[in-house]
Every structure is written in C-alpha cells, then in structure tokens.
Amino acid sequence: MSQPSTDPVDALAELGRIRLDQTSLDDMLSQVARLANRSIPGAEQVSVTLLRGRVGRTLVFTDEIARDLDEWQYEHGHGPCLDASAAGSPISVPDTGAEQRWPDWAAHARTAGVGSSLSIGLPIQSAVVGALNVYGGPAHAFDRDAIATAEGFARYAAVALANAHLYDSATTLAEHMQEAMRNRAVIEQAKGIIMGERHCTPEEAFGLLSKLSQDTNRKLRDVAAALVANAVESGR
C-alpha cells in the first residue's frame, strides 16, 4: 500500500479552515479531491460524483483514469460509485480481478491499471446524491484506516454539495417568486383595464380574463400581457 504524502489529520484540518461562503463549489471539491488523493493510504486517483435523478457527472477528478471509470458507469448504468451514491454508504472493491458484482466494469478498471476502488456515498438532499471515489493501483489497496480517512473527506464533500444544492434551490425559488410577482402585476393591470372599460368588479374582470384564456388556449399571463400591450398601443 502506498503511503500518504500528507498527514490525514493535517489535511482535514486544512479543509476545516475553508470558509464555504468564500469558496466556490468547484474550488472546495477540488481541494477535497486533491487532499484526499495525497492523504488516503493507497489512493492513486480520486473523483467526486454527483447524481441528479438518473443523470450522473464527475464534478472533479485528479486524473483522467478516475473520470473515465466514473463515466463508464454513467454510460452503462451500474457500478460501485452509482450504488454507493444510491445507498449513501461505503462500497469497497478490494480486487477488480475477483469482482463479481460489476464484472464488466471491473474488467474495464483492470485494463486501466486499477486493482481496487472505494466509493463513499454522499447523501445530499432528495434526488441529489453523490460519492467520493478513490481508486488504487494494486488489489487490496484500502484497509480499515484508509476507509475511515476517506469517510472523513466525504463528509466535507457532502457539506459543500449540500450547501450548493440549497443555494441553487433557494435561487430557483426566488426566481419563481419574482416571475409569479411579475405575472400577478400584469394580470392586475389587465383586470384594471377591463374594469375601466366594462365598469365591472375585480372578480368579474378576472372571470373574463380566465374565459378568454380558456377560449384561446393561451396562458392567463399571456392573455393579460396582450391586453395591456394593446391598451398601451391604443393610448399612444
């Protein structure tokens, strides 16, 4: 087993000093992968997988071999990193030469010079999951201590990904709320125009808009926007 060039305790302490609010997701995950590669006994390549539903992608990798082994799994729909992502737990492949769960992937790994692998599941949120993948050259590269060290790095990757997912979700929600407010504003404008022309109540004006939307098979917002645009054009 190859010896780490960086003490795992020092590496995890370095990660602990990173401010997530001052570091991009890519930079954070790159540091996780880089330090994991240098600190986990037996590690030769490291990658971080992200799965949204059934779509997987490798966010960071320390070597093209790691990305290739990940992408083979995305293409074929099975493999240790996919199963670890789904289960949220560690999956070890001690010897790709004797692996029976994913024999075709194992054969591909052997061809690439990888004799063992370790994937640590990263439960993030709802349909978004991932894995920290560690690849070793010889068989049986990862003992119990190596697995424990990998789990420590996986926790940092999970926190970074969860924070990024929450940020993306909050941003999407804010965008939807802004769009809803814009839609409401134009609908209220259209109701005002109808009320002025027909001397009706707000409820009656909304009913007329809704009927026009149904009759023309157009969204309510689009009908309202067209009415407002016509009113502006007529007033010029």
C-alpha atoms as a PDB file:
ATOM      1  CA  MET A   1       0.000   0.000   0.000  1.00  0.00           C
ATOM      2  CA  SER A   2       1.356   3.420  -0.929  1.00  0.00           C
ATOM      3  CA  GLN A   3       1.959   5.793   1.950  1.00  0.00           C
ATOM      4  CA  PRO A   4       0.182   9.176   2.075  1.00  0.00           C
ATOM      5  CA  SER A   5       2.328  12.232   1.407  1.00  0.00           C
ATOM      6  CA  THR A   6       0.137  14.405   3.647  1.00  0.00           C
ATOM      7  CA  ASP A   7      -0.995  13.513   7.151  1.00  0.00           C
ATOM      8  CA  PRO A   8      -4.789  12.955   7.085  1.00  0.00           C
ATOM      9  CA  VAL A   9      -5.264  14.924  10.299  1.00  0.00           C
ATOM     10  CA  ASP A  10      -3.445  17.918   8.830  1.00  0.00           C
ATOM     11  CA  ALA A  11      -5.389  17.623   5.572  1.00  0.00           C
ATOM     12  CA  LEU A  12      -8.768  17.524   7.328  1.00  0.00           C
ATOM     13  CA  ALA A  13      -7.726  20.455   9.500  1.00  0.00           C
ATOM     14  CA  GLU A  14      -6.864  22.387   6.324  1.00  0.00           C
ATOM     15  CA  LEU A  15     -10.325  21.652   4.938  1.00  0.00           C
ATOM     16  CA  GLY A  16     -11.872  22.734   8.221  1.00  0.00           C
ATOM     17  CA  ARG A  17     -10.335  26.192   7.829  1.00  0.00           C
ATOM     18  CA  ILE A  18     -12.040  26.774   4.479  1.00  0.00           C
ATOM     19  CA  ARG A  19     -14.948  29.208   4.566  1.00  0.00           C
ATOM     20  CA  LEU A  20     -17.718  27.765   2.436  1.00  0.00           C
ATOM     21  CA  ASP A  21     -19.193  31.227   1.956  1.00  0.00           C
ATOM     22  CA  GLN A  22     -15.899  32.440   0.494  1.00  0.00           C
ATOM     23  CA  THR A  23     -15.009  29.438  -1.698  1.00  0.00           C
ATOM     24  CA  SER A  24     -16.680  28.253  -4.877  1.00  0.00           C
ATOM     25  CA  LEU A  25     -18.051  24.721  -5.029  1.00  0.00           C
ATOM     26  CA  ASP A  26     -15.511  23.715  -7.690  1.00  0.00           C
ATOM     27  CA  ASP A  27     -12.603  25.019  -5.610  1.00  0.00           C
ATOM     28  CA  MET A  28     -13.871  23.307  -2.472  1.00  0.00           C
ATOM     29  CA  LEU A  29     -14.348  19.955  -4.177  1.00  0.00           C
ATOM     30  CA  SER A  30     -11.002  20.275  -5.951  1.00  0.00           C
ATOM     31  CA  GLN A  31      -9.310  20.726  -2.580  1.00  0.00           C
ATOM     32  CA  VAL A  32     -11.206  17.745  -1.160  1.00  0.00           C
ATOM     33  CA  ALA A  33     -10.088  15.550  -4.077  1.00  0.00           C
ATOM     34  CA  ARG A  34      -6.503  16.836  -4.064  1.00  0.00           C
ATOM     35  CA  LEU A  35      -6.024  16.387  -0.305  1.00  0.00           C
ATOM     36  CA  ALA A  36      -7.823  13.024  -0.299  1.00  0.00           C
ATOM     37  CA  ASN A  37      -5.518  11.797  -3.045  1.00  0.00           C
ATOM     38  CA  ARG A  38      -2.482  12.821  -1.004  1.00  0.00           C
ATOM     39  CA  SER A  39      -3.794  11.627   2.375  1.00  0.00           C
ATOM     40  CA  ILE A  40      -5.734   8.376   1.935  1.00  0.00           C
ATOM     41  CA  PRO A  41      -3.360   5.406   2.120  1.00  0.00           C
ATOM     42  CA  GLY A  42      -3.378   3.559  -1.192  1.00  0.00           C
ATOM     43  CA  ALA A  43      -5.102   6.309  -3.185  1.00  0.00           C
ATOM     44  CA  GLU A  44      -3.811   6.960  -6.695  1.00  0.00           C
ATOM     45  CA  GLN A  45      -6.813   8.763  -8.238  1.00  0.00           C
ATOM     46  CA  VAL A  46      -9.837  10.478  -6.668  1.00  0.00           C
ATOM     47  CA  SER A  47     -13.079  11.838  -8.095  1.00  0.00           C
ATOM     48  CA  VAL A  48     -16.378  13.244  -6.855  1.00  0.00           C
ATOM     49  CA  THR A  49     -19.603  12.045  -8.494  1.00  0.00           C
ATOM     50  CA  LEU A  50     -22.918  13.929  -8.464  1.00  0.00           C
ATOM     51  CA  LEU A  51     -26.223  12.300  -9.388  1.00  0.00           C
ATOM     52  CA  ARG A  52     -29.405  14.237 -10.075  1.00  0.00           C
ATOM     53  CA  GLY A  53     -32.085  11.635 -10.607  1.00  0.00           C
ATOM     54  CA  ARG A  54     -30.560   9.208 -13.103  1.00  0.00           C
ATOM     55  CA  VAL A  55     -28.087  11.675 -14.587  1.00  0.00           C
ATOM     56  CA  GLY A  56     -24.518  11.405 -13.294  1.00  0.00           C
ATOM     57  CA  ARG A  57     -21.470  13.559 -13.812  1.00  0.00           C
ATOM     58  CA  THR A  58     -17.998  13.795 -12.345  1.00  0.00           C
ATOM     59  CA  LEU A  59     -17.523  17.217 -10.784  1.00  0.00           C
ATOM     60  CA  VAL A  60     -13.788  16.967 -10.056  1.00  0.00           C
ATOM     61  CA  PHE A  61     -11.082  14.386 -10.650  1.00  0.00           C
ATOM     62  CA  THR A  62      -7.355  14.123 -10.045  1.00  0.00           C
ATOM     63  CA  ASP A  63      -6.629  12.007 -13.107  1.00  0.00           C
ATOM     64  CA  GLU A  64      -8.346  11.134 -16.397  1.00  0.00           C
ATOM     65  CA  ILE A  65      -8.463   7.495 -15.289  1.00  0.00           C
ATOM     66  CA  ALA A  66     -10.824   8.406 -12.445  1.00  0.00           C
ATOM     67  CA  ARG A  67     -13.139  10.329 -14.758  1.00  0.00           C
ATOM     68  CA  ASP A  68     -13.111   7.509 -17.307  1.00  0.00           C
ATOM     69  CA  LEU A  69     -14.059   4.896 -14.693  1.00  0.00           C
ATOM     70  CA  ASP A  70     -16.871   7.127 -13.435  1.00  0.00           C
ATOM     71  CA  GLU A  71     -18.214   7.895 -16.901  1.00  0.00           C
ATOM     72  CA  TRP A  72     -18.201   4.218 -17.856  1.00  0.00           C
ATOM     73  CA  GLN A  73     -20.670   3.702 -15.001  1.00  0.00           C
ATOM     74  CA  TYR A  74     -22.904   6.598 -16.083  1.00  0.00           C
ATOM     75  CA  GLU A  75     -22.997   5.228 -19.619  1.00  0.00           C
ATOM     76  CA  HIS A  76     -23.782   1.644 -18.613  1.00  0.00           C
ATOM     77  CA  GLY A  77     -25.999   2.447 -15.620  1.00  0.00           C
ATOM     78  CA  HIS A  78     -24.229   0.362 -12.995  1.00  0.00           C
ATOM     79  CA  GLY A  79     -21.063   0.284 -10.904  1.00  0.00           C
ATOM     80  CA  PRO A  80     -19.749   0.896  -7.387  1.00  0.00           C
ATOM     81  CA  CYS A  81     -19.921   4.692  -7.399  1.00  0.00           C
ATOM     82  CA  LEU A  82     -23.552   4.618  -8.600  1.00  0.00           C
ATOM     83  CA  ASP A  83     -24.541   2.072  -5.957  1.00  0.00           C
ATOM     84  CA  ALA A  84     -22.673   3.961  -3.231  1.00  0.00           C
ATOM     85  CA  SER A  85     -24.435   7.166  -4.270  1.00  0.00           C
ATOM     86  CA  ALA A  86     -27.829   5.460  -4.099  1.00  0.00           C
ATOM     87  CA  ALA A  87     -27.128   3.743  -0.771  1.00  0.00           C
ATOM     88  CA  GLY A  88     -25.309   6.651   0.875  1.00  0.00           C
ATOM     89  CA  SER A  89     -22.753   4.229   2.301  1.00  0.00           C
ATOM     90  CA  PRO A  90     -19.223   2.976   1.528  1.00  0.00           C
ATOM     91  CA  ILE A  91     -18.726   0.337  -1.158  1.00  0.00           C
ATOM     92  CA  SER A  92     -15.338  -1.308  -1.470  1.00  0.00           C
ATOM     93  CA  VAL A  93     -13.986  -3.278  -4.405  1.00  0.00           C
ATOM     94  CA  PRO A  94     -10.937  -4.981  -2.854  1.00  0.00           C
ATOM     95  CA  ASP A  95      -9.806  -6.711  -6.038  1.00  0.00           C
ATOM     96  CA  THR A  96     -11.062  -5.873  -9.536  1.00  0.00           C
ATOM     97  CA  GLY A  97      -9.635  -9.202 -10.671  1.00  0.00           C
ATOM     98  CA  ALA A  98     -12.095 -11.081  -8.464  1.00  0.00           C
ATOM     99  CA  GLU A  99     -15.048  -8.670  -8.514  1.00  0.00           C
ATOM    100  CA  GLN A 100     -18.378 -10.418  -9.250  1.00  0.00           C
ATOM    101  CA  ARG A 101     -20.924  -7.613  -8.625  1.00  0.00           C
ATOM    102  CA  TRP A 102     -19.852  -5.490 -11.610  1.00  0.00           C
ATOM    103  CA  PRO A 103     -17.572  -7.802 -13.628  1.00  0.00           C
ATOM    104  CA  ASP A 104     -17.641  -5.751 -16.846  1.00  0.00           C
ATOM    105  CA  TRP A 105     -16.773  -2.529 -15.013  1.00  0.00           C
ATOM    106  CA  ALA A 106     -14.061  -4.389 -13.071  1.00  0.00           C
ATOM    107  CA  ALA A 107     -12.543  -5.641 -16.322  1.00  0.00           C
ATOM    108  CA  HIS A 108     -12.504  -2.070 -17.632  1.00  0.00           C
ATOM    109  CA  ALA A 109     -10.839  -0.918 -14.400  1.00  0.00           C
ATOM    110  CA  ARG A 110      -8.164  -3.616 -14.643  1.00  0.00           C
ATOM    111  CA  THR A 111      -7.401  -2.544 -18.189  1.00  0.00           C
ATOM    112  CA  ALA A 112      -6.896   0.990 -16.869  1.00  0.00           C
ATOM    113  CA  GLY A 113      -4.467  -0.284 -14.232  1.00  0.00           C
ATOM    114  CA  VAL A 114      -6.844  -0.020 -11.270  1.00  0.00           C
ATOM    115  CA  GLY A 115      -6.811  -3.014  -8.932  1.00  0.00           C
ATOM    116  CA  SER A 116      -9.150  -1.744  -6.216  1.00  0.00           C
ATOM    117  CA  SER A 117     -11.617   1.028  -5.519  1.00  0.00           C
ATOM    118  CA  LEU A 118     -13.530   2.660  -2.712  1.00  0.00           C
ATOM    119  CA  SER A 119     -16.696   4.750  -3.113  1.00  0.00           C
ATOM    120  CA  ILE A 120     -18.188   6.661  -0.178  1.00  0.00           C
ATOM    121  CA  GLY A 121     -21.829   7.687  -0.627  1.00  0.00           C
ATOM    122  CA  LEU A 122     -22.689  11.347  -0.153  1.00  0.00           C
ATOM    123  CA  PRO A 123     -26.361  11.730   0.799  1.00  0.00           C
ATOM    124  CA  ILE A 124     -27.141  15.350  -0.067  1.00  0.00           C
ATOM    125  CA  GLN A 125     -30.834  16.070  -0.466  1.00  0.00           C
ATOM    126  CA  SER A 126     -33.875  14.373  -2.019  1.00  0.00           C
ATOM    127  CA  ALA A 127     -32.981  13.247  -5.565  1.00  0.00           C
ATOM    128  CA  VAL A 128     -29.464  14.708  -5.428  1.00  0.00           C
ATOM    129  CA  VAL A 129     -26.780  12.302  -4.196  1.00  0.00           C
ATOM    130  CA  GLY A 130     -23.121  11.652  -4.877  1.00  0.00           C
ATOM    131  CA  ALA A 131     -19.986   9.732  -3.999  1.00  0.00           C
ATOM    132  CA  LEU A 132     -16.316  10.272  -3.248  1.00  0.00           C
ATOM    133  CA  ASN A 133     -14.458   7.718  -5.375  1.00  0.00           C
ATOM    134  CA  VAL A 134     -10.935   6.559  -4.583  1.00  0.00           C
ATOM    135  CA  TYR A 135      -9.006   4.335  -6.975  1.00  0.00           C
ATOM    136  CA  GLY A 136      -5.904   2.303  -6.171  1.00  0.00           C
ATOM    137  CA  GLY A 137      -3.360   0.553  -8.362  1.00  0.00           C
ATOM    138  CA  PRO A 138      -2.882  -2.805  -6.624  1.00  0.00           C
ATOM    139  CA  ALA A 139      -5.573  -5.062  -5.231  1.00  0.00           C
ATOM    140  CA  HIS A 140      -6.477  -4.610  -1.557  1.00  0.00           C
ATOM    141  CA  ALA A 141      -5.122  -1.060  -1.522  1.00  0.00           C
ATOM    142  CA  PHE A 142      -7.556   0.203   1.141  1.00  0.00           C
ATOM    143  CA  ASP A 143      -7.591  -1.117   4.682  1.00  0.00           C
ATOM    144  CA  ARG A 144      -9.892  -0.078   7.528  1.00  0.00           C
ATOM    145  CA  ASP A 145      -7.858   3.036   8.300  1.00  0.00           C
ATOM    146  CA  ALA A 146      -7.968   4.123   4.661  1.00  0.00           C
ATOM    147  CA  ILE A 147     -11.755   3.715   4.607  1.00  0.00           C
ATOM    148  CA  ALA A 148     -12.114   5.769   7.790  1.00  0.00           C
ATOM    149  CA  THR A 149      -9.924   8.512   6.319  1.00  0.00           C
ATOM    150  CA  ALA A 150     -11.947   8.518   3.103  1.00  0.00           C
ATOM    151  CA  GLU A 151     -15.159   8.876   5.109  1.00  0.00           C
ATOM    152  CA  GLY A 152     -13.715  11.982   6.756  1.00  0.00           C
ATOM    153  CA  PHE A 153     -13.070  13.595   3.375  1.00  0.00           C
ATOM    154  CA  ALA A 154     -16.502  12.514   2.166  1.00  0.00           C
ATOM    155  CA  ARG A 155     -18.143  14.476   4.953  1.00  0.00           C
ATOM    156  CA  TYR A 156     -16.565  17.693   3.695  1.00  0.00           C
ATOM    157  CA  ALA A 157     -17.614  16.950   0.142  1.00  0.00           C
ATOM    158  CA  ALA A 158     -21.183  16.229   1.302  1.00  0.00           C
ATOM    159  CA  VAL A 159     -21.407  19.526   3.217  1.00  0.00           C
ATOM    160  CA  ALA A 160     -20.107  21.503   0.232  1.00  0.00           C
ATOM    161  CA  LEU A 161     -22.531  19.812  -2.174  1.00  0.00           C
ATOM    162  CA  ALA A 162     -25.483  20.144   0.198  1.00  0.00           C
ATOM    163  CA  ASN A 163     -24.807  23.853   0.666  1.00  0.00           C
ATOM    164  CA  ALA A 164     -24.514  24.344  -3.084  1.00  0.00           C
ATOM    165  CA  HIS A 165     -27.758  22.446  -3.658  1.00  0.00           C
ATOM    166  CA  LEU A 166     -29.577  24.517  -1.047  1.00  0.00           C
ATOM    167  CA  TYR A 167     -28.240  27.695  -2.636  1.00  0.00           C
ATOM    168  CA  ASP A 168     -29.382  26.572  -6.078  1.00  0.00           C
ATOM    169  CA  SER A 169     -32.797  25.636  -4.687  1.00  0.00           C
ATOM    170  CA  ALA A 170     -33.153  28.979  -2.926  1.00  0.00           C
ATOM    171  CA  THR A 171     -32.107  30.846  -6.071  1.00  0.00           C
ATOM    172  CA  THR A 172     -34.608  28.894  -8.171  1.00  0.00           C
ATOM    173  CA  LEU A 173     -37.358  29.557  -5.632  1.00  0.00           C
ATOM    174  CA  ALA A 174     -36.551  33.283  -5.627  1.00  0.00           C
ATOM    175  CA  GLU A 175     -36.655  33.360  -9.429  1.00  0.00           C
ATOM    176  CA  HIS A 176     -40.023  31.597  -9.425  1.00  0.00           C
ATOM    177  CA  MET A 177     -41.373  34.050  -6.858  1.00  0.00           C
ATOM    178  CA  GLN A 178     -40.176  37.010  -8.910  1.00  0.00           C
ATOM    179  CA  GLU A 179     -41.809  35.535 -12.004  1.00  0.00           C
ATOM    180  CA  ALA A 180     -45.043  34.981 -10.064  1.00  0.00           C
ATOM    181  CA  MET A 181     -44.975  38.590  -8.893  1.00  0.00           C
ATOM    182  CA  ARG A 182     -44.440  39.825 -12.466  1.00  0.00           C
ATOM    183  CA  ASN A 183     -47.311  37.647 -13.669  1.00  0.00           C
ATOM    184  CA  ARG A 184     -49.561  38.937 -10.910  1.00  0.00           C
ATOM    185  CA  ALA A 185     -48.682  42.533 -11.738  1.00  0.00           C
ATOM    186  CA  VAL A 186     -49.611  42.205 -15.429  1.00  0.00           C
ATOM    187  CA  ILE A 187     -52.816  40.336 -14.554  1.00  0.00           C
ATOM    188  CA  GLU A 188     -53.792  43.103 -12.130  1.00  0.00           C
ATOM    189  CA  GLN A 189     -53.112  45.670 -14.863  1.00  0.00           C
ATOM    190  CA  ALA A 190     -55.319  43.763 -17.285  1.00  0.00           C
ATOM    191  CA  LYS A 191     -58.087  43.498 -14.684  1.00  0.00           C
ATOM    192  CA  GLY A 192     -57.910  47.255 -14.185  1.00  0.00           C
ATOM    193  CA  ILE A 193     -58.295  47.852 -17.918  1.00  0.00           C
ATOM    194  CA  ILE A 194     -61.343  45.561 -18.116  1.00  0.00           C
ATOM    195  CA  MET A 195     -62.908  47.140 -15.027  1.00  0.00           C
ATOM    196  CA  GLY A 196     -62.449  50.588 -16.571  1.00  0.00           C
ATOM    197  CA  GLU A 197     -63.968  49.562 -19.885  1.00  0.00           C
ATOM    198  CA  ARG A 198     -66.846  47.424 -18.622  1.00  0.00           C
ATOM    199  CA  HIS A 199     -67.456  49.022 -15.211  1.00  0.00           C
ATOM    200  CA  CYS A 200     -67.367  45.619 -13.550  1.00  0.00           C
ATOM    201  CA  THR A 201     -65.982  44.203 -10.289  1.00  0.00           C
ATOM    202  CA  PRO A 202     -62.453  42.754  -9.932  1.00  0.00           C
ATOM    203  CA  GLU A 203     -63.947  39.263  -9.727  1.00  0.00           C
ATOM    204  CA  GLU A 204     -65.907  39.759 -12.943  1.00  0.00           C
ATOM    205  CA  ALA A 205     -62.825  41.143 -14.686  1.00  0.00           C
ATOM    206  CA  PHE A 206     -60.782  38.124 -13.638  1.00  0.00           C
ATOM    207  CA  GLY A 207     -63.577  35.830 -14.844  1.00  0.00           C
ATOM    208  CA  LEU A 208     -63.486  37.473 -18.276  1.00  0.00           C
ATOM    209  CA  LEU A 209     -59.708  37.063 -18.445  1.00  0.00           C
ATOM    210  CA  SER A 210     -59.957  33.394 -17.452  1.00  0.00           C
ATOM    211  CA  LYS A 211     -62.637  32.708 -20.073  1.00  0.00           C
ATOM    212  CA  LEU A 212     -60.559  34.372 -22.776  1.00  0.00           C
ATOM    213  CA  SER A 213     -57.576  32.279 -21.694  1.00  0.00           C
ATOM    214  CA  GLN A 214     -59.601  29.076 -21.971  1.00  0.00           C
ATOM    215  CA  ASP A 215     -61.261  30.022 -25.253  1.00  0.00           C
ATOM    216  CA  THR A 216     -57.951  30.877 -26.934  1.00  0.00           C
ATOM    217  CA  ASN A 217     -55.958  28.080 -25.234  1.00  0.00           C
ATOM    218  CA  ARG A 218     -53.384  30.595 -24.022  1.00  0.00           C
ATOM    219  CA  LYS A 219     -51.851  31.137 -20.611  1.00  0.00           C
ATOM    220  CA  LEU A 220     -53.634  33.653 -18.418  1.00  0.00           C
ATOM    221  CA  ARG A 221     -50.466  35.708 -18.113  1.00  0.00           C
ATOM    222  CA  ASP A 222     -50.050  35.866 -21.913  1.00  0.00           C
ATOM    223  CA  VAL A 223     -53.662  36.958 -22.404  1.00  0.00           C
ATOM    224  CA  ALA A 224     -53.239  39.671 -19.776  1.00  0.00           C
ATOM    225  CA  ALA A 225     -49.943  40.872 -21.281  1.00  0.00           C
ATOM    226  CA  ALA A 226     -51.507  41.121 -24.759  1.00  0.00           C
ATOM    227  CA  LEU A 227     -54.438  43.125 -23.398  1.00  0.00           C
ATOM    228  CA  VAL A 228     -52.090  45.532 -21.571  1.00  0.00           C
ATOM    229  CA  ALA A 229     -49.898  45.893 -24.679  1.00  0.00           C
ATOM    230  CA  ASN A 230     -52.946  46.687 -26.820  1.00  0.00           C
ATOM    231  CA  ALA A 231     -54.120  49.259 -24.315  1.00  0.00           C
ATOM    232  CA  VAL A 232     -50.701  50.953 -24.312  1.00  0.00           C
ATOM    233  CA  GLU A 233     -50.597  50.941 -28.108  1.00  0.00           C
ATOM    234  CA  SER A 234     -54.108  52.401 -28.346  1.00  0.00           C
ATOM    235  CA  GLY A 235     -53.227  55.175 -25.917  1.00  0.00           C
ATOM    236  CA  ARG A 236     -50.262  56.400 -27.957  1.00  0.00           C
END
